[in-house]
C-alpha atoms as a PDB file:
ATOM      1  CA  LEU A   1      42.974  64.411 127.362  1.00  0.00           C
ATOM      2  CA  ALA A   2      43.501  63.249 130.959  1.00  0.00           C
ATOM      3  CA  ARG A   3      39.946  61.998 130.786  1.00  0.00           C
ATOM      4  CA  PHE A   4      40.118  60.674 127.310  1.00  0.00           C
ATOM      5  CA  PRO A   5      43.914  59.547 126.853  1.00  0.00           C
ATOM      6  CA  GLU A   6      43.091  57.317 123.851  1.00  0.00           C
ATOM      7  CA  ARG A   7      42.218  60.677 121.869  1.00  0.00           C
ATOM      8  CA  ARG A   8      45.684  62.124 122.316  1.00  0.00           C
ATOM      9  CA  ALA A   9      46.898  60.197 119.112  1.00  0.00           C
ATOM     10  CA  ILE A  10      44.434  62.215 116.944  1.00  0.00           C
ATOM     11  CA  PHE A  11      46.159  65.691 117.807  1.00  0.00           C
ATOM     12  CA  ILE A  12      49.236  66.765 115.773  1.00  0.00           C
ATOM     13  CA  HIS A  13      49.778  69.659 118.134  1.00  0.00           C
ATOM     14  CA  VAL A  14      47.927  69.368 121.421  1.00  0.00           C
ATOM     15  CA  ASP A  15      48.551  72.937 122.689  1.00  0.00           C
ATOM     16  CA  ALA A  16      47.391  74.599 119.649  1.00  0.00           C
ATOM     17  CA  THR A  17      44.401  72.606 119.125  1.00  0.00           C
ATOM     18  CA  SER A  18      43.268  72.782 122.763  1.00  0.00           C
ATOM     19  CA  VAL A  19      43.423  76.672 122.503  1.00  0.00           C
ATOM     20  CA  ARG A  20      41.505  76.739 119.353  1.00  0.00           C
ATOM     21  CA  MET A  21      38.772  74.277 120.424  1.00  0.00           C
ATOM     22  CA  THR A  22      38.422  76.165 123.755  1.00  0.00           C
ATOM     23  CA  ASP A  23      37.946  79.492 121.886  1.00  0.00           C
ATOM     24  CA  GLU A  24      35.434  78.034 119.584  1.00  0.00           C
ATOM     25  CA  THR A  25      33.500  76.609 122.581  1.00  0.00           C
ATOM     26  CA  LEU A  26      33.470  79.856 124.426  1.00  0.00           C
ATOM     27  CA  GLN A  27      32.330  81.686 121.349  1.00  0.00           C
ATOM     28  CA  TRP A  28      29.567  79.389 120.687  1.00  0.00           C
ATOM     29  CA  LEU A  29      28.426  79.777 124.379  1.00  0.00           C
ATOM     30  CA  TYR A  30      28.552  83.343 124.049  1.00  0.00           C
ATOM     31  CA  GLY A  31      26.595  83.498 120.899  1.00  0.00           C
ATOM     32  CA  LEU A  32      23.953  81.105 122.196  1.00  0.00           C
ATOM     33  CA  ALA A  33      23.597  83.607 125.086  1.00  0.00           C
ATOM     34  CA  GLN A  34      22.865  86.342 122.430  1.00  0.00           C
ATOM     35  CA  ASP A  35      20.618  84.096 120.476  1.00  0.00           C
ATOM     36  CA  ARG A  36      23.033  84.167 117.524  1.00  0.00           C
ATOM     37  CA  LYS A  37      21.796  81.974 114.651  1.00  0.00           C
ATOM     38  CA  TRP A  38      25.330  81.362 113.224  1.00  0.00           C
ATOM     39  CA  VAL A  39      26.065  79.066 116.305  1.00  0.00           C
ATOM     40  CA  TRP A  40      23.970  76.175 114.770  1.00  0.00           C
ATOM     41  CA  SER A  41      25.789  76.014 111.362  1.00  0.00           C
ATOM     42  CA  GLN A  42      29.304  76.251 113.016  1.00  0.00           C
ATOM     43  CA  VAL A  43      28.309  73.350 115.416  1.00  0.00           C
ATOM     44  CA  ALA A  44      26.787  71.176 112.650  1.00  0.00           C
ATOM     45  CA  GLU A  45      29.995  71.846 110.493  1.00  0.00           C
ATOM     46  CA  LEU A  46      32.403  70.957 113.468  1.00  0.00           C
ATOM     47  CA  VAL A  47      30.396  67.793 114.262  1.00  0.00           C
ATOM     48  CA  PHE A  48      30.700  66.553 110.658  1.00  0.00           C
ATOM     49  CA  ASN A  49      34.340  67.426 110.466  1.00  0.00           C
ATOM     50  CA  HIS A  50      35.128  65.651 113.553  1.00  0.00           C
ATOM     51  CA  ARG A  51      34.040  62.425 112.143  1.00  0.00           C
ATOM     52  CA  ASN A  52      37.303  62.436 110.400  1.00  0.00           C
ATOM     53  CA  TYR A  53      38.764  61.552 113.923  1.00  0.00           C
ATOM     54  CA  GLY A  54      36.610  58.628 114.428  1.00  0.00           C
ATOM     55  CA  GLU A  55      33.153  58.340 116.411  1.00  0.00           C
ATOM     56  CA  LEU A  56      33.410  60.827 119.163  1.00  0.00           C
ATOM     57  CA  ARG A  57      30.711  60.095 121.832  1.00  0.00           C
ATOM     58  CA  GLN A  58      28.396  62.532 123.164  1.00  0.00           C
ATOM     59  CA  ASP A  59      29.995  62.358 126.639  1.00  0.00           C
ATOM     60  CA  GLU A  60      33.367  63.515 125.079  1.00  0.00           C
ATOM     61  CA  TYR A  61      31.722  66.632 123.659  1.00  0.00           C
ATOM     62  CA  ASP A  62      29.791  67.169 126.737  1.00  0.00           C
ATOM     63  CA  ALA A  63      33.051  66.843 128.854  1.00  0.00           C
ATOM     64  CA  PHE A  64      34.904  69.239 126.709  1.00  0.00           C
ATOM     65  CA  VAL A  65      32.270  72.026 127.059  1.00  0.00           C
ATOM     66  CA  ASP A  66      32.136  71.593 130.843  1.00  0.00           C
ATOM     67  CA  PHE A  67      35.989  71.711 130.930  1.00  0.00           C
ATOM     68  CA  ALA A  68      35.990  74.848 128.956  1.00  0.00           C
ATOM     69  CA  ILE A  69      33.719  76.495 131.567  1.00  0.00           C
ATOM     70  CA  ASP A  70      35.726  75.135 134.443  1.00  0.00           C
ATOM     71  CA  ALA A  71      38.828  76.761 132.836  1.00  0.00           C
ATOM     72  CA  LEU A  72      37.140  79.878 132.419  1.00  0.00           C
ATOM     73  CA  ARG A  73      35.711  79.888 136.101  1.00  0.00           C
ATOM     74  CA  ASP A  74      39.225  79.457 137.291  1.00  0.00           C
ATOM     75  CA  THR A  75      40.395  82.650 135.757  1.00  0.00           C
ATOM     76  CA  ILE A  76      37.692  85.100 136.866  1.00  0.00           C
ATOM     77  CA  ASP A  77      37.898  86.155 140.533  1.00  0.00           C
ATOM     78  CA  SER A  78      34.098  87.652 140.713  1.00  0.00           C
ATOM     79  CA  TRP A  79      32.664  84.304 139.435  1.00  0.00           C
ATOM     80  CA  ASP A  80      29.486  83.522 141.542  1.00  0.00           C
ATOM     81  CA  GLY A  81      26.600  81.445 141.559  1.00  0.00           C
ATOM     82  CA  ALA A  82      24.589  83.586 139.031  1.00  0.00           C
ATOM     83  CA  THR A  83      27.683  83.422 136.717  1.00  0.00           C
ATOM     84  CA  GLU A  84      27.876  79.627 137.097  1.00  0.00           C
ATOM     85  CA  GLY A  85      24.162  79.278 136.495  1.00  0.00           C
ATOM     86  CA  ALA A  86      24.338  81.371 133.330  1.00  0.00           C
ATOM     87  CA  TRP A  87      27.204  79.639 131.712  1.00  0.00           C
ATOM     88  CA  ARG A  88      25.861  76.054 132.658  1.00  0.00           C
ATOM     89  CA  ARG A  89      22.505  76.926 131.008  1.00  0.00           C
ATOM     90  CA  GLN A  90      24.592  77.841 127.874  1.00  0.00           C
ATOM     91  CA  ALA A  91      26.468  74.724 128.078  1.00  0.00           C
ATOM     92  CA  ALA A  92      23.202  72.632 128.272  1.00  0.00           C
ATOM     93  CA  SER A  93      22.033  74.444 125.134  1.00  0.00           C
ATOM     94  CA  LEU A  94      25.382  73.756 123.412  1.00  0.00           C
ATOM     95  CA  LYS A  95      25.242  70.247 124.396  1.00  0.00           C
ATOM     96  CA  THR A  96      21.783  69.808 122.815  1.00  0.00           C
ATOM     97  CA  LEU A  97      23.069  71.394 119.702  1.00  0.00           C
ATOM     98  CA  ILE A  98      25.740  69.029 119.492  1.00  0.00           C
ATOM     99  CA  ALA A  99      23.501  66.043 119.979  1.00  0.00           C
ATOM    100  CA  ARG A 100      21.091  67.249 117.375  1.00  0.00           C
ATOM    101  CA  ALA A 101      23.955  67.637 114.822  1.00  0.00           C
ATOM    102  CA  ARG A 102      25.272  64.144 115.647  1.00  0.00           C
ATOM    103  CA  ALA A 103      21.772  62.766 115.239  1.00  0.00           C
ATOM    104  CA  GLU A 104      21.198  64.565 111.980  1.00  0.00           C
ATOM    105  CA  TRP A 105      24.645  63.612 110.573  1.00  0.00           C
ATOM    106  CA  ALA A 106      24.072  59.939 111.528  1.00  0.00           C
ATOM    107  CA  ALA A 107      20.778  59.995 109.622  1.00  0.00           C
ATOM    108  CA  SER A 108      22.241  61.836 106.604  1.00  0.00           C
ATOM    109  CA  PRO A 109      23.208  60.187 103.271  1.00  0.00           C
ATOM    110  CA  LEU A 110      26.685  61.633 104.041  1.00  0.00           C
ATOM    111  CA  ALA A 111      27.187  59.678 107.134  1.00  0.00           C
ATOM    112  CA  PHE A 112      30.245  57.346 107.208  1.00  0.00           C
ATOM    113  CA  SER A 113      29.983  53.837 108.101  1.00  0.00           C
END
């Protein structure tokens, strides 16, 4: 939230929400690495549900994905260049899915104005 302080007001309990959001993000990254098909449906649902908080920009989603990996990196002593590359590749895939979900929901008859 330091990067997007205007978003703080949408969180009822910042600590609990940030833990859940980080956990979901890491699960999706791991699922993508295993080519799990369930990742897409969960990402699409999350993007739709997040519209309740206003229009979240792609750069906000992208930053959160990067922050989740940064936090993980900071807890693992054996993190190396290969590990960094693998997680960042999955991050790029997740960011692409989020962008796809945002575009599909924006074009949907269910889209909010």
